[in-house]
Amino acid sequence: MSEYILKIDSSDEKGLIYNIADVIYRNDLNIEKNHEFVDLENRKFFFRAKILGDIDITLLKDELKNVLPSDANIYLGVRRAKNIILMATKESHCLGDILLKNYSNELFATVQAVISNHDYLKDLTKKFDIPYFFVSAENIDRADHERKIRDILEEFNPDLIVLAKYMRILSSDFVSRYRNSIINIHHSFLPAFIGANPYKQAHQRGVKIIGATAHFVTDNLDEGPIISQDVIHIDHEYGWRDMQKAGRNVEKAVLSNALDLALEDRIFIYGNKTVIF
């Protein structure tokens, strides 16, 4: 008996949950867990379920289409570990955290490779027996640099690309090729404190909260649909290096949470925001 994930979003109308459950029941399947949400303001319906059984995916989707609104989007697939590519620059905290979780089988995924525009993290990556690709960005234009990265991505064909503190802006062309498949993490001082050392700037302003945001990447820099966020409180006793250390811990936790949500197909992208079960 296999596990499947069913995700549906559509305009809202009466009887949707009954109709979905009836189709599943008539196919001798079992809903192990389900969640639903209705955006009342926009009359939008969201549904996610984990289903147990032996499913003819095409047949079941056709039956669901017959009982759902015409604008329904239906995703139905076997619950499986996804393949991911990590992209990094120099900072090791997010990359190391994911590599360790992958090594410890705590990640419902397979890390296929690490791509970086520097070679700083090569030794760390090799400790985990993961392929490391150094694609230098020096003395090369962005289009050629991204073309080399795309060649690697096409070789592995990952389900998700995770920017584990990858500190280069991706072009619109690159982002469009991997729409809704790139996850980024950044500190939440933006846009107030930008540049090389935002923690030092924040310390000089007496900031009392440190946070991080994980989101899908879009053409609007750091403004894509938010997946996960968190904050911690600090006080005047924190130096800027203490703030930086605390901030990196938040970034690791937030990125890990966002990645888990994506790997379990628990995210609906809705406009420029998310619905998460």
Protein backbone atom coordinates (compact mmCIF):
# COMPACT_ATOMS: atom_id res chain seq x y z
CA MET A 1 0.00 0.00 0.00
CA SER A 2 1.44 3.36 -1.07
CA GLU A 3 1.14 6.87 0.34
CA TYR A 4 -0.06 9.69 -1.90
CA ILE A 5 -0.39 13.42 -1.45
CA LEU A 6 -3.49 15.12 -2.85
CA LYS A 7 -3.59 18.92 -3.11
CA ILE A 8 -6.53 20.88 -4.49
CA ASP A 9 -7.23 24.58 -4.81
CA SER A 10 -10.31 26.03 -6.46
CA SER A 11 -13.07 28.55 -6.08
CA ASP A 12 -15.19 27.73 -3.06
CA GLU A 13 -18.66 26.22 -3.21
CA LYS A 14 -20.84 23.99 -1.06
CA GLY A 15 -20.11 20.30 -0.76
CA LEU A 16 -16.48 20.27 -1.89
CA ILE A 17 -15.12 18.26 1.03
CA TYR A 18 -18.00 15.77 0.75
CA ASN A 19 -17.44 15.36 -2.99
CA ILE A 20 -13.69 14.81 -2.59
CA ALA A 21 -14.16 12.30 0.24
CA ASP A 22 -16.86 10.46 -1.72
CA VAL A 23 -14.55 9.99 -4.74
CA ILE A 24 -11.79 8.70 -2.50
CA TYR A 25 -14.16 6.35 -0.67
CA ARG A 26 -15.64 4.96 -3.89
CA ASN A 27 -12.12 4.08 -5.05
CA ASP A 28 -11.55 2.05 -1.88
CA LEU A 29 -8.91 4.47 -0.60
CA ASN A 30 -8.34 5.84 2.88
CA ILE A 31 -7.64 9.43 3.94
CA GLU A 32 -5.04 9.20 6.69
CA LYS A 33 -4.97 12.96 7.35
CA ASN A 34 -6.46 16.02 5.70
CA HIS A 35 -6.57 19.78 6.11
CA GLU A 36 -8.71 22.41 4.45
CA PHE A 37 -8.95 26.19 4.43
CA VAL A 38 -11.28 28.70 2.82
CA ASP A 39 -10.21 32.27 2.12
CA LEU A 40 -13.64 33.80 2.71
CA GLU A 41 -12.70 37.18 1.31
CA ASN A 42 -11.72 35.73 -2.07
CA ARG A 43 -13.91 32.58 -1.90
CA LYS A 44 -10.88 30.35 -2.46
CA PHE A 45 -10.74 26.73 -1.24
CA PHE A 46 -7.59 24.78 -0.33
CA PHE A 47 -7.36 21.09 0.54
CA ARG A 48 -4.50 18.70 1.27
CA ALA A 49 -4.72 15.02 2.18
CA LYS A 50 -2.44 12.06 2.67
CA ILE A 51 -4.11 9.05 1.06
CA LEU A 52 -3.32 5.38 1.51
CA GLY A 53 -4.04 2.76 -1.13
CA ASP A 54 -3.27 1.68 -4.66
CA ILE A 55 -4.16 4.55 -6.97
CA ASP A 56 -4.61 4.95 -10.69
CA ILE A 57 -3.55 8.61 -10.65
CA THR A 58 -5.02 9.54 -14.02
CA LEU A 59 -8.37 7.90 -13.26
CA LEU A 60 -8.68 9.45 -9.80
CA LYS A 61 -7.80 12.94 -11.06
CA ASP A 62 -10.43 12.64 -13.79
CA GLU A 63 -13.07 11.63 -11.24
CA LEU A 64 -12.12 14.54 -9.00
CA LYS A 65 -12.33 16.99 -11.89
CA ASN A 66 -15.91 15.89 -12.49
CA VAL A 67 -16.99 16.89 -8.97
CA LEU A 68 -14.90 20.05 -8.54
CA PRO A 69 -15.25 23.59 -9.93
CA SER A 70 -13.88 24.09 -13.43
CA ASP A 71 -10.99 26.21 -12.15
CA ALA A 72 -9.71 23.49 -9.79
CA ASN A 73 -6.00 22.75 -9.70
CA ILE A 74 -5.31 19.16 -8.69
CA TYR A 75 -1.96 17.71 -7.67
CA LEU A 76 -1.81 13.98 -6.94
CA GLY A 77 1.45 12.13 -6.53
CA VAL A 78 3.24 9.44 -4.61
CA ARG A 79 4.75 10.69 -1.37
CA ARG A 80 8.47 10.36 -2.02
CA ALA A 81 11.81 11.81 -1.00
CA LYS A 82 12.65 14.70 -3.31
CA ASN A 83 16.00 15.55 -4.88
CA ILE A 84 17.57 18.89 -3.99
CA ILE A 85 20.55 20.95 -5.07
CA LEU A 86 22.16 23.34 -2.57
CA MET A 87 23.75 26.60 -3.67
CA ALA A 88 26.11 28.48 -1.38
CA THR A 89 28.82 31.12 -1.32
CA LYS A 90 31.06 31.41 1.77
CA GLU A 91 28.91 31.05 4.88
CA SER A 92 28.71 27.49 6.14
CA HIS A 93 25.95 27.50 8.77
CA CYS A 94 22.91 26.81 6.57
CA LEU A 95 24.75 24.50 4.21
CA GLY A 96 26.31 22.50 7.05
CA ASP A 97 22.98 22.16 8.85
CA ILE A 98 21.26 20.69 5.78
CA LEU A 99 24.18 18.41 4.95
CA LEU A 100 24.18 17.06 8.49
CA LYS A 101 20.43 16.43 8.43
CA ASN A 102 20.83 14.68 5.09
CA TYR A 103 23.65 12.53 6.49
CA SER A 104 21.56 11.66 9.56
CA ASN A 105 18.50 10.72 7.47
CA GLU A 106 16.52 13.52 9.11
CA LEU A 107 15.73 15.08 5.74
CA PHE A 108 12.99 13.64 3.53
CA ALA A 109 15.20 14.29 0.52
CA THR A 110 18.43 13.44 -1.22
CA VAL A 111 21.06 16.16 -1.55
CA GLN A 112 22.42 15.61 -5.03
CA ALA A 113 25.14 18.26 -5.12
CA VAL A 114 26.38 21.64 -3.91
CA ILE A 115 27.05 24.49 -6.33
CA SER A 116 29.05 27.53 -5.23
CA ASN A 117 30.62 30.62 -6.75
CA HIS A 118 33.56 30.11 -4.35
CA ASP A 119 35.55 27.07 -3.29
CA TYR A 120 35.47 27.87 0.46
CA LEU A 121 32.97 25.14 1.31
CA LYS A 122 34.42 22.36 -0.79
CA ASP A 123 36.14 20.56 2.10
CA LEU A 124 33.00 20.71 4.23
CA THR A 125 30.87 19.27 1.43
CA LYS A 126 33.34 16.50 0.64
CA LYS A 127 33.14 15.29 4.27
CA PHE A 128 29.57 14.24 3.45
CA ASP A 129 30.46 12.58 0.15
CA ILE A 130 28.40 15.10 -1.82
CA PRO A 131 29.57 16.36 -5.25
CA TYR A 132 30.79 19.97 -5.15
CA PHE A 133 30.79 22.23 -8.18
CA PHE A 134 32.80 25.45 -8.03
CA VAL A 135 31.53 27.83 -10.70
CA SER A 136 33.59 30.99 -10.50
CA ALA A 137 31.83 34.27 -11.20
CA GLU A 138 35.05 36.21 -11.72
CA ASN A 139 35.88 37.58 -15.17
CA ILE A 140 32.65 36.21 -16.63
CA ASP A 141 29.32 37.88 -17.28
CA ARG A 142 26.23 36.83 -15.38
CA ALA A 143 24.60 35.13 -18.35
CA ASP A 144 27.59 32.83 -18.91
CA HIS A 145 27.92 32.14 -15.20
CA GLU A 146 24.27 31.16 -14.91
CA ARG A 147 24.51 29.07 -18.06
CA LYS A 148 27.21 26.97 -16.42
CA ILE A 149 25.05 26.54 -13.34
CA ARG A 150 22.06 25.54 -15.48
CA ASP A 151 24.17 22.88 -17.18
CA ILE A 152 24.81 21.30 -13.78
CA LEU A 153 21.17 21.59 -12.74
CA GLU A 154 20.01 19.97 -15.95
CA GLU A 155 22.37 17.08 -15.31
CA PHE A 156 20.75 16.38 -11.93
CA ASN A 157 17.21 17.65 -12.62
CA PRO A 158 16.41 18.45 -8.94
CA ASP A 159 12.93 18.95 -7.54
CA LEU A 160 14.09 21.93 -5.46
CA ILE A 161 17.00 24.37 -5.42
CA VAL A 162 17.95 25.71 -1.99
CA LEU A 163 19.95 28.93 -1.71
CA ALA A 164 21.87 28.20 1.50
CA LYS A 165 23.25 31.74 1.78
CA TYR A 166 24.01 32.00 -1.92
CA MET A 167 24.98 35.64 -2.18
CA ARG A 168 24.36 36.45 -5.82
CA ILE A 169 21.27 37.91 -7.44
CA LEU A 170 19.72 35.54 -9.97
CA SER A 171 18.47 36.84 -13.29
CA SER A 172 14.81 36.86 -14.32
CA ASP A 173 15.57 34.26 -16.96
CA PHE A 174 17.12 31.90 -14.41
CA VAL A 175 14.27 32.35 -11.94
CA SER A 176 11.60 31.79 -14.60
CA ARG A 177 13.19 28.46 -15.58
CA TYR A 178 12.78 27.20 -12.02
CA ARG A 179 9.57 28.94 -11.05
CA ASN A 180 8.36 28.07 -7.54
CA SER A 181 11.31 25.70 -7.11
CA ILE A 182 13.96 27.98 -5.56
CA ILE A 183 13.97 28.61 -1.80
CA ASN A 184 16.03 31.41 -0.28
CA ILE A 185 16.90 32.42 3.29
CA HIS A 186 17.88 35.86 4.54
CA HIS A 187 17.99 37.87 7.73
CA SER A 188 14.94 40.02 8.41
CA PHE A 189 16.79 43.33 8.74
CA LEU A 190 15.93 44.06 5.11
CA PRO A 191 15.38 46.64 3.78
CA ALA A 192 16.58 48.73 6.74
CA PHE A 193 20.11 47.35 6.92
CA ILE A 194 21.73 46.25 3.69
CA GLY A 195 25.31 45.62 2.65
CA ALA A 196 28.18 43.48 3.88
CA ASN A 197 27.57 43.69 7.62
CA PRO A 198 23.91 44.25 8.50
CA TYR A 199 24.43 42.98 12.06
CA LYS A 200 26.94 45.73 12.77
CA GLN A 201 24.49 48.30 11.44
CA ALA A 202 21.66 46.81 13.50
CA HIS A 203 23.85 46.84 16.62
CA GLN A 204 24.59 50.52 16.13
CA ARG A 205 20.85 51.21 15.97
CA GLY A 206 20.08 49.20 19.11
CA VAL A 207 17.89 46.60 17.41
CA LYS A 208 16.05 44.38 19.90
CA ILE A 209 14.75 41.63 17.59
CA ILE A 210 16.67 39.36 15.22
CA GLY A 211 14.77 37.36 12.63
CA ALA A 212 14.98 35.37 9.42
CA THR A 213 12.70 34.76 6.44
CA ALA A 214 12.60 31.82 4.03
CA HIS A 215 10.72 32.38 0.78
CA PHE A 216 10.37 31.30 -2.81
CA VAL A 217 12.51 33.30 -5.21
CA THR A 218 10.81 35.61 -7.69
CA ASP A 219 11.96 38.47 -9.90
CA ASN A 220 11.35 40.88 -7.01
CA LEU A 221 14.43 40.58 -4.83
CA ASP A 222 13.63 39.04 -1.42
CA GLU A 223 9.91 39.64 -1.95
CA GLY A 224 8.72 36.18 -3.00
CA PRO A 225 6.00 34.17 -1.23
CA ILE A 226 7.04 33.66 2.39
CA ILE A 227 7.28 30.08 3.67
CA SER A 228 8.65 30.43 7.18
CA GLN A 229 9.79 33.15 9.59
CA ASP A 230 10.99 33.42 13.16
CA VAL A 231 12.46 35.98 15.56
CA ILE A 232 14.38 36.03 18.82
CA HIS A 233 14.67 38.87 21.30
CA ILE A 234 18.03 40.35 22.26
CA ASP A 235 19.16 43.19 24.50
CA HIS A 236 21.92 45.75 24.99
CA GLU A 237 24.39 43.13 26.20
CA TYR A 238 24.70 41.64 22.71
CA GLY A 239 27.67 42.79 20.66
CA TRP A 240 27.31 42.70 16.91
CA ARG A 241 29.18 39.37 16.72
CA ASP A 242 26.79 37.93 19.32
CA MET A 243 23.91 39.19 17.19
CA GLN A 244 25.42 37.60 14.10
CA LYS A 245 25.81 34.24 15.85
CA ALA A 246 22.23 34.37 17.11
CA GLY A 247 20.99 35.41 13.68
CA ARG A 248 22.71 32.49 11.99
CA ASN A 249 21.01 30.09 14.39
CA VAL A 250 17.63 31.58 13.46
CA GLU A 251 18.46 31.33 9.75
CA LYS A 252 19.32 27.63 10.09
CA ALA A 253 16.08 26.85 11.90
CA VAL A 254 13.87 28.86 9.55
CA LEU A 255 15.43 27.41 6.39
CA SER A 256 15.19 23.88 7.79
CA ASN A 257 11.51 24.38 8.59
CA ALA A 258 10.75 25.85 5.17
CA LEU A 259 12.55 22.99 3.45
CA ASP A 260 10.61 20.38 5.44
CA LEU A 261 7.32 22.04 4.43
CA ALA A 262 8.31 22.02 0.76
CA LEU A 263 9.54 18.42 0.85
CA GLU A 264 6.23 17.26 2.32
CA ASP A 265 4.17 19.16 -0.30
CA ARG A 266 2.48 21.22 2.41
CA ILE A 267 2.70 24.57 0.60
CA PHE A 268 0.21 26.26 -1.71
CA ILE A 269 1.49 29.36 -3.50
CA TYR A 270 -1.40 31.79 -3.64
CA GLY A 271 -0.68 35.10 -5.34
CA ASN A 272 2.44 36.37 -3.61
CA LYS A 273 1.80 34.50 -0.38
CA THR A 274 1.43 30.93 0.80
CA VAL A 275 -1.16 28.70 2.43
CA ILE A 276 0.59 26.06 4.51
CA PHE A 277 -0.85 22.93 6.13
